[in-house]
C-alpha atoms as a PDB file:
ATOM      1  CA  MET A   1     129.317 175.898 105.218  1.00  0.00           C
ATOM      2  CA  LYS A   2     129.084 175.752 101.415  1.00  0.00           C
ATOM      3  CA  ARG A   3     132.860 175.887 101.160  1.00  0.00           C
ATOM      4  CA  TRP A   4     133.246 172.933 103.522  1.00  0.00           C
ATOM      5  CA  LEU A   5     130.718 170.936 101.549  1.00  0.00           C
ATOM      6  CA  ALA A   6     132.432 171.760  98.258  1.00  0.00           C
ATOM      7  CA  ALA A   7     135.826 170.826  99.729  1.00  0.00           C
ATOM      8  CA  ALA A   8     134.451 167.511 101.035  1.00  0.00           C
ATOM      9  CA  VAL A   9     132.937 166.622  97.640  1.00  0.00           C
ATOM     10  CA  LEU A  10     136.176 167.525  95.871  1.00  0.00           C
ATOM     11  CA  GLY A  11     138.215 165.523  98.359  1.00  0.00           C
ATOM     12  CA  LEU A  12     136.027 162.462  98.013  1.00  0.00           C
ATOM     13  CA  SER A  13     136.135 162.640  94.222  1.00  0.00           C
ATOM     14  CA  LEU A  14     139.950 162.717  94.268  1.00  0.00           C
ATOM     15  CA  VAL A  15     140.233 159.642  96.506  1.00  0.00           C
ATOM     16  CA  GLY A  16     139.747 157.312  93.513  1.00  0.00           C
ATOM     17  CA  VAL A  17     142.468 159.088  91.570  1.00  0.00           C
ATOM     18  CA  ALA A  18     144.914 158.797  94.462  1.00  0.00           C
ATOM     19  CA  HIS A  19     144.724 155.001  94.301  1.00  0.00           C
ATOM     20  CA  ALA A  20     145.558 154.813  90.610  1.00  0.00           C
ATOM     21  CA  ALA A  21     148.975 153.251  90.174  1.00  0.00           C
ATOM     22  CA  ILE A  22     151.430 153.967  87.423  1.00  0.00           C
ATOM     23  CA  ASP A  23     153.553 151.068  86.261  1.00  0.00           C
ATOM     24  CA  THR A  24     157.240 151.858  86.174  1.00  0.00           C
ATOM     25  CA  TYR A  25     159.554 149.365  84.577  1.00  0.00           C
ATOM     26  CA  GLU A  26     163.274 149.654  84.006  1.00  0.00           C
ATOM     27  CA  PHE A  27     164.350 148.200  80.691  1.00  0.00           C
ATOM     28  CA  ALA A  28     167.831 147.131  79.637  1.00  0.00           C
ATOM     29  CA  ASN A  29     167.642 149.173  76.427  1.00  0.00           C
ATOM     30  CA  ASP A  30     165.303 151.207  74.246  1.00  0.00           C
ATOM     31  CA  GLY A  31     164.626 148.236  71.962  1.00  0.00           C
ATOM     32  CA  GLU A  32     163.187 146.265  74.851  1.00  0.00           C
ATOM     33  CA  ARG A  33     161.077 149.243  75.896  1.00  0.00           C
ATOM     34  CA  GLU A  34     159.702 149.528  72.352  1.00  0.00           C
ATOM     35  CA  ARG A  35     158.920 145.787  72.252  1.00  0.00           C
ATOM     36  CA  PHE A  36     157.051 146.157  75.562  1.00  0.00           C
ATOM     37  CA  ARG A  37     155.083 149.073  74.136  1.00  0.00           C
ATOM     38  CA  GLU A  38     154.213 147.149  70.951  1.00  0.00           C
ATOM     39  CA  LEU A  39     153.130 144.037  72.844  1.00  0.00           C
ATOM     40  CA  THR A  40     150.950 145.920  75.311  1.00  0.00           C
ATOM     41  CA  LYS A  41     149.288 147.795  72.433  1.00  0.00           C
ATOM     42  CA  GLU A  42     148.735 144.584  70.445  1.00  0.00           C
ATOM     43  CA  LEU A  43     147.114 142.593  73.265  1.00  0.00           C
ATOM     44  CA  ARG A  44     143.550 143.205  74.438  1.00  0.00           C
ATOM     45  CA  CYS A  45     142.530 143.398  78.085  1.00  0.00           C
ATOM     46  CA  PRO A  46     140.404 140.315  78.895  1.00  0.00           C
ATOM     47  CA  LYS A  47     138.232 142.316  81.294  1.00  0.00           C
ATOM     48  CA  CYS A  48     137.780 145.586  79.400  1.00  0.00           C
ATOM     49  CA  GLN A  49     137.370 143.854  76.009  1.00  0.00           C
ATOM     50  CA  ASN A  50     137.799 147.033  74.025  1.00  0.00           C
ATOM     51  CA  GLN A  51     141.063 148.376  75.420  1.00  0.00           C
ATOM     52  CA  ASP A  52     144.578 147.203  74.991  1.00  0.00           C
ATOM     53  CA  ILE A  53     146.457 146.260  78.135  1.00  0.00           C
ATOM     54  CA  ALA A  54     148.646 149.353  77.843  1.00  0.00           C
ATOM     55  CA  ASP A  55     145.664 151.681  78.368  1.00  0.00           C
ATOM     56  CA  SER A  56     143.570 149.559  80.723  1.00  0.00           C
ATOM     57  CA  ASN A  57     143.464 150.228  84.457  1.00  0.00           C
ATOM     58  CA  ALA A  58     141.981 146.810  85.237  1.00  0.00           C
ATOM     59  CA  PRO A  59     143.969 144.699  87.724  1.00  0.00           C
ATOM     60  CA  ILE A  60     144.303 141.876  85.198  1.00  0.00           C
ATOM     61  CA  ALA A  61     145.835 144.300  82.676  1.00  0.00           C
ATOM     62  CA  ALA A  62     148.415 145.340  85.274  1.00  0.00           C
ATOM     63  CA  ASP A  63     149.188 141.657  85.891  1.00  0.00           C
ATOM     64  CA  LEU A  64     149.578 141.052  82.161  1.00  0.00           C
ATOM     65  CA  ARG A  65     151.941 144.014  81.833  1.00  0.00           C
ATOM     66  CA  LYS A  66     154.045 142.553  84.661  1.00  0.00           C
ATOM     67  CA  GLU A  67     154.004 139.166  82.966  1.00  0.00           C
ATOM     68  CA  ILE A  68     155.134 140.663  79.646  1.00  0.00           C
ATOM     69  CA  PHE A  69     157.899 142.567  81.428  1.00  0.00           C
ATOM     70  CA  ARG A  70     159.015 139.342  83.145  1.00  0.00           C
ATOM     71  CA  MET A  71     159.059 137.398  79.873  1.00  0.00           C
ATOM     72  CA  LEU A  72     161.012 140.148  78.133  1.00  0.00           C
ATOM     73  CA  GLY A  73     163.536 139.941  80.967  1.00  0.00           C
ATOM     74  CA  GLU A  74     163.811 136.186  80.382  1.00  0.00           C
ATOM     75  CA  GLY A  75     164.719 136.870  76.751  1.00  0.00           C
ATOM     76  CA  LYS A  76     161.556 135.520  75.126  1.00  0.00           C
ATOM     77  CA  ASP A  77     160.695 136.876  71.701  1.00  0.00           C
ATOM     78  CA  ASN A  78     157.421 138.590  70.788  1.00  0.00           C
ATOM     79  CA  GLN A  79     155.876 135.488  69.214  1.00  0.00           C
ATOM     80  CA  GLN A  80     156.557 133.388  72.320  1.00  0.00           C
ATOM     81  CA  ILE A  81     154.911 136.023  74.516  1.00  0.00           C
ATOM     82  CA  ILE A  82     151.884 136.306  72.211  1.00  0.00           C
ATOM     83  CA  ASP A  83     151.570 132.506  72.044  1.00  0.00           C
ATOM     84  CA  PHE A  84     151.640 132.341  75.852  1.00  0.00           C
ATOM     85  CA  MET A  85     148.871 134.944  76.107  1.00  0.00           C
ATOM     86  CA  VAL A  86     146.759 133.231  73.420  1.00  0.00           C
ATOM     87  CA  ASP A  87     147.195 129.836  75.145  1.00  0.00           C
ATOM     88  CA  ARG A  88     146.104 131.363  78.419  1.00  0.00           C
ATOM     89  CA  TYR A  89     143.278 133.706  77.309  1.00  0.00           C
ATOM     90  CA  GLY A  90     142.341 132.497  73.838  1.00  0.00           C
ATOM     91  CA  GLU A  91     142.541 134.186  70.450  1.00  0.00           C
ATOM     92  CA  PHE A  92     140.315 136.971  71.815  1.00  0.00           C
ATOM     93  CA  VAL A  93     143.311 138.558  73.561  1.00  0.00           C
ATOM     94  CA  ARG A  94     144.771 139.590  70.181  1.00  0.00           C
ATOM     95  CA  TYR A  95     143.486 142.652  68.356  1.00  0.00           C
ATOM     96  CA  ASN A  96     144.583 141.100  65.050  1.00  0.00           C
ATOM     97  CA  PRO A  97     143.828 137.388  65.377  1.00  0.00           C
ATOM     98  CA  ALA A  98     145.718 134.957  63.172  1.00  0.00           C
ATOM     99  CA  LEU A  99     143.906 133.667  60.088  1.00  0.00           C
ATOM    100  CA  SER A 100     142.612 130.175  60.836  1.00  0.00           C
ATOM    101  CA  SER A 101     139.435 128.183  60.344  1.00  0.00           C
ATOM    102  CA  LYS A 102     138.109 129.590  63.637  1.00  0.00           C
ATOM    103  CA  THR A 103     138.763 133.222  62.715  1.00  0.00           C
ATOM    104  CA  ALA A 104     137.934 133.131  58.987  1.00  0.00           C
ATOM    105  CA  LEU A 105     134.512 134.613  59.679  1.00  0.00           C
ATOM    106  CA  LEU A 106     136.146 137.550  61.477  1.00  0.00           C
ATOM    107  CA  TRP A 107     138.418 138.254  58.528  1.00  0.00           C
ATOM    108  CA  PHE A 108     136.049 137.612  55.614  1.00  0.00           C
ATOM    109  CA  GLY A 109     132.593 138.108  57.168  1.00  0.00           C
ATOM    110  CA  PRO A 110     132.395 141.894  56.696  1.00  0.00           C
ATOM    111  CA  ALA A 111     133.507 141.651  53.064  1.00  0.00           C
ATOM    112  CA  GLY A 112     130.949 138.884  52.479  1.00  0.00           C
ATOM    113  CA  LEU A 113     128.162 140.977  53.993  1.00  0.00           C
ATOM    114  CA  LEU A 114     129.163 143.971  51.877  1.00  0.00           C
ATOM    115  CA  LEU A 115     129.246 141.850  48.725  1.00  0.00           C
ATOM    116  CA  GLY A 116     125.865 140.338  49.624  1.00  0.00           C
ATOM    117  CA  GLY A 117     124.423 143.839  50.041  1.00  0.00           C
ATOM    118  CA  PHE A 118     125.656 144.841  46.594  1.00  0.00           C
ATOM    119  CA  VAL A 119     124.088 141.708  45.089  1.00  0.00           C
ATOM    120  CA  VAL A 120     120.724 142.466  46.750  1.00  0.00           C
ATOM    121  CA  ILE A 121     120.805 146.066  45.483  1.00  0.00           C
ATOM    122  CA  ALA A 122     121.722 144.893  41.960  1.00  0.00           C
ATOM    123  CA  VAL A 123     118.814 142.407  41.935  1.00  0.00           C
ATOM    124  CA  ILE A 124     116.357 145.064  43.113  1.00  0.00           C
ATOM    125  CA  VAL A 125     117.550 147.578  40.485  1.00  0.00           C
ATOM    126  CA  ARG A 126     117.385 144.959  37.719  1.00  0.00           C
ATOM    127  CA  ARG A 127     113.837 143.922  38.671  1.00  0.00           C
ATOM    128  CA  ARG A 128     112.660 147.535  38.634  1.00  0.00           C
ATOM    129  CA  ARG A 129     114.169 148.088  35.198  1.00  0.00           C
ATOM    130  CA  VAL A 130     112.466 144.974  33.870  1.00  0.00           C
ATOM    131  CA  GLN A 131     109.131 146.091  35.349  1.00  0.00           C
ATOM    132  CA  ARG A 132     109.442 149.507  33.700  1.00  0.00           C
ATOM    133  CA  THR A 133     110.073 148.047  30.258  1.00  0.00           C
ATOM    134  CA  ALA A 134     107.335 145.411  30.629  1.00  0.00           C
ATOM    135  CA  ALA A 135     104.647 147.845  31.777  1.00  0.00           C
ATOM    136  CA  PRO A 136     103.258 150.007  28.974  1.00  0.00           C
ATOM    137  CA  ASP A 137     103.429 153.739  29.564  1.00  0.00           C
ATOM    138  CA  THR A 138     100.427 154.494  27.331  1.00  0.00           C
ATOM    139  CA  LEU A 139      96.781 153.935  28.137  1.00  0.00           C
ATOM    140  CA  SER A 140      94.621 151.500  26.230  1.00  0.00           C
ATOM    141  CA  VAL A 141      91.579 152.767  24.282  1.00  0.00           C
ATOM    142  CA  GLU A 142      89.193 151.695  27.053  1.00  0.00           C
ATOM    143  CA  GLU A 143      91.302 153.390  29.711  1.00  0.00           C
ATOM    144  CA  ARG A 144      91.380 156.607  27.677  1.00  0.00           C
ATOM    145  CA  GLN A 145      87.632 156.633  27.283  1.00  0.00           C
ATOM    146  CA  ARG A 146      87.137 156.052  30.999  1.00  0.00           C
ATOM    147  CA  LEU A 147      89.608 158.841  31.802  1.00  0.00           C
ATOM    148  CA  ASP A 148      87.811 161.237  29.435  1.00  0.00           C
ATOM    149  CA  GLN A 149      84.497 160.424  31.086  1.00  0.00           C
ATOM    150  CA  LEU A 150      85.903 161.102  34.529  1.00  0.00           C
ATOM    151  CA  LEU A 151      87.464 164.367  33.426  1.00  0.00           C
ATOM    152  CA  ASP A 152      84.254 165.530  31.739  1.00  0.00           C
ATOM    153  CA  LYS A 153      82.270 164.627  34.836  1.00  0.00           C
ATOM    154  CA  THR A 154      84.535 166.758  37.064  1.00  0.00           C
ATOM    155  CA  LYS A 155      84.363 169.705  34.640  1.00  0.00           C
ATOM    156  CA  HIS A 156      80.537 169.739  34.730  1.00  0.00           C
ATOM    157  CA  ASP A 157      80.329 169.494  38.510  1.00  0.00           C
END
C-alpha cells in the first residue's frame, strides 16, 4: 500500500514537468542564433519581473521569444526589435534601460545615496572631533575636591 501511495505522489508531482514545453527554433545561421540568445537575455519577462525571457517559463515569455524569432526572420536588427518591445511593454522590459530623464534616477540614484552616506558619516566624525577638542579632559578645582570627598567617603565606609 505504501508503494502505491509513493508511486501516486511521484506521478502527480511529475505531471507539471510533463507539460513544460521547450522552444525549438531553426535559425538560418549561427549569427542569427546568437542574436536571438542575446536579445532574449537582454529583455526582461513582464510577468516574472526578475527573469529574462530566455529563462522564464511564463506564457508571455514564450510569446515574446516567438515574436523575437519572427522579427529576426523578417530581417529586423536588434535595435528595431528592442524598440518594438519597449514601445509595447515600456522601458521596464530592458535590463539596461537607456539613459533618459525618466531613467536618470535608476542610473545615478545609487551613487547619490552612497555619496550622501559618506557626507553624513563625515559630518558625524567632524562633529565628534570638534566636541573632543572643545571639552576639557581635566577636572576643575571644584570637581577635584568633590571627587576627593566622594573617594574619602567610600574608603571610610
